[in-house]
Amino acid sequence: MLLNTIKRTVFLLGLLILLPVMAQATIENSNQQSDPSRELSSEAVMQQFSGEQEESPERKIELQRKHEILFMMGVALLVLLFLTATMGIAMVAFEKDVFVAHIILAGLTLTLATVHAATSIAWFWPY
Protein backbone atom coordinates (compact mmCIF):
# COMPACT_ATOMS: atom_id res chain seq x y z
CA MET A 1 0.00 0.00 0.00
CA LEU A 2 2.72 2.44 1.00
CA LEU A 3 4.83 1.38 -1.96
CA ASN A 4 1.99 2.15 -4.39
CA THR A 5 1.52 5.59 -2.84
CA ILE A 6 5.23 6.32 -3.17
CA LYS A 7 5.22 5.16 -6.80
CA ARG A 8 2.25 7.38 -7.61
CA THR A 9 3.84 10.37 -5.89
CA VAL A 10 7.13 9.91 -7.75
CA PHE A 11 5.26 9.50 -11.03
CA LEU A 12 3.22 12.67 -10.49
CA LEU A 13 6.28 14.65 -9.43
CA GLY A 14 8.09 13.41 -12.53
CA LEU A 15 5.20 14.57 -14.69
CA LEU A 16 5.13 17.96 -12.99
CA ILE A 17 8.83 18.41 -13.69
CA LEU A 18 8.85 16.89 -17.17
CA LEU A 19 5.82 18.65 -18.68
CA PRO A 20 7.13 22.24 -18.39
CA VAL A 21 10.52 21.15 -19.74
CA MET A 22 8.87 19.48 -22.73
CA ALA A 23 6.66 22.51 -23.33
CA GLN A 24 9.65 24.85 -23.28
CA ALA A 25 11.54 22.62 -25.72
CA THR A 26 8.54 22.58 -28.05
CA ILE A 27 8.25 26.37 -27.95
CA GLU A 28 11.96 26.82 -28.67
CA ASN A 29 11.76 24.33 -31.53
CA SER A 30 8.81 26.11 -33.10
CA ASN A 31 10.54 29.49 -32.75
CA GLN A 32 13.58 28.18 -34.60
CA GLN A 33 11.45 26.85 -37.43
CA SER A 34 9.33 29.98 -37.88
CA ASP A 35 8.92 31.12 -41.44
CA PRO A 36 9.61 34.84 -42.14
CA SER A 37 7.08 34.87 -44.99
CA ARG A 38 4.44 33.72 -42.54
CA GLU A 39 5.15 36.69 -40.28
CA LEU A 40 4.73 39.05 -43.20
CA SER A 41 1.43 37.49 -44.11
CA SER A 42 0.26 37.86 -40.51
CA GLU A 43 1.11 41.55 -40.61
CA ALA A 44 -0.75 41.93 -43.88
CA VAL A 45 -3.80 40.29 -42.39
CA MET A 46 -3.72 42.58 -39.35
CA GLN A 47 -3.44 45.67 -41.56
CA GLN A 48 -6.69 44.74 -43.26
CA PHE A 49 -8.53 45.00 -39.95
CA SER A 50 -6.87 48.18 -38.72
CA GLY A 51 -8.56 50.51 -41.21
CA GLU A 52 -11.98 52.06 -40.79
CA GLN A 53 -14.65 50.21 -42.69
CA GLU A 54 -17.99 51.66 -43.60
CA GLU A 55 -21.16 49.83 -42.68
CA SER A 56 -23.40 48.68 -45.46
CA PRO A 57 -26.62 50.69 -45.83
CA GLU A 58 -28.70 47.65 -44.90
CA ARG A 59 -26.95 47.29 -41.54
CA LYS A 60 -26.66 50.96 -40.63
CA ILE A 61 -28.93 52.06 -37.78
CA GLU A 62 -29.55 55.75 -37.29
CA LEU A 63 -28.64 57.36 -33.99
CA GLN A 64 -32.26 58.19 -33.16
CA ARG A 65 -33.29 54.55 -33.69
CA LYS A 66 -30.45 53.35 -31.44
CA HIS A 67 -31.68 55.65 -28.68
CA GLU A 68 -35.24 54.38 -29.13
CA ILE A 69 -34.13 50.75 -28.91
CA LEU A 70 -32.12 51.39 -25.75
CA PHE A 71 -35.03 53.34 -24.24
CA MET A 72 -37.44 50.45 -24.87
CA MET A 73 -34.94 48.04 -23.35
CA GLY A 74 -34.60 50.35 -20.34
CA VAL A 75 -38.37 50.53 -19.83
CA ALA A 76 -38.64 46.74 -20.02
CA LEU A 77 -35.74 46.48 -17.59
CA LEU A 78 -37.44 48.76 -15.08
CA VAL A 79 -40.70 46.79 -15.36
CA LEU A 80 -38.87 43.50 -14.79
CA LEU A 81 -36.98 45.01 -11.87
CA PHE A 82 -40.22 46.25 -10.31
CA LEU A 83 -41.89 42.84 -10.76
CA THR A 84 -38.88 41.05 -9.27
CA ALA A 85 -38.92 43.34 -6.25
CA THR A 86 -42.68 42.88 -5.89
CA MET A 87 -42.30 39.10 -5.87
CA GLY A 88 -39.51 39.35 -3.31
CA ILE A 89 -41.59 41.56 -1.04
CA ALA A 90 -44.58 39.22 -1.45
CA MET A 91 -42.44 36.29 -0.34
CA VAL A 92 -40.98 38.03 2.69
CA ALA A 93 -43.76 40.27 3.93
CA PHE A 94 -46.85 38.27 2.98
CA GLU A 95 -45.36 34.74 2.98
CA LYS A 96 -46.54 33.99 -0.55
CA ASP A 97 -45.10 31.00 -2.39
CA VAL A 98 -43.73 32.83 -5.45
CA PHE A 99 -40.08 31.82 -5.23
CA VAL A 100 -39.91 30.26 -8.70
CA ALA A 101 -41.52 33.29 -10.32
CA HIS A 102 -39.16 35.57 -8.38
CA ILE A 103 -36.10 33.63 -9.57
CA ILE A 104 -37.30 33.55 -13.19
CA LEU A 105 -37.94 37.30 -13.13
CA ALA A 106 -34.54 37.89 -11.53
CA GLY A 107 -32.87 35.87 -14.28
CA LEU A 108 -34.73 37.78 -16.99
CA THR A 109 -33.84 41.08 -15.32
CA LEU A 110 -30.17 40.19 -15.14
CA THR A 111 -30.15 39.00 -18.75
CA LEU A 112 -31.83 42.15 -20.02
CA ALA A 113 -29.51 44.34 -17.94
CA THR A 114 -26.49 42.59 -19.45
CA VAL A 115 -27.84 42.93 -22.98
CA HIS A 116 -28.70 46.59 -22.39
CA ALA A 117 -25.19 47.32 -21.10
CA ALA A 118 -23.48 45.40 -23.91
CA THR A 119 -25.58 47.10 -26.57
CA SER A 120 -24.95 50.57 -25.21
CA ILE A 121 -21.21 49.90 -24.96
CA ALA A 122 -21.09 48.50 -28.50
CA TRP A 123 -22.99 51.44 -29.96
CA PHE A 124 -21.77 54.39 -27.90
CA TRP A 125 -18.41 53.46 -26.31
CA PRO A 126 -16.04 55.76 -28.22
CA TYR A 127 -18.64 58.57 -28.20
Foldseek 3Di string as FASTA:
>chain_A
DVVVVVVVVVVVVVCVVPVVVVVVVVVVVCVVVDDPVVVVVVVVVVVVPPDDDDDDPVPDDDPVVLVVVLVVLVVVLVVLVVVLVVLVCCCPVVVDPCVVVNVVSVVVNVVSVVVSVVSCCVVPVVD
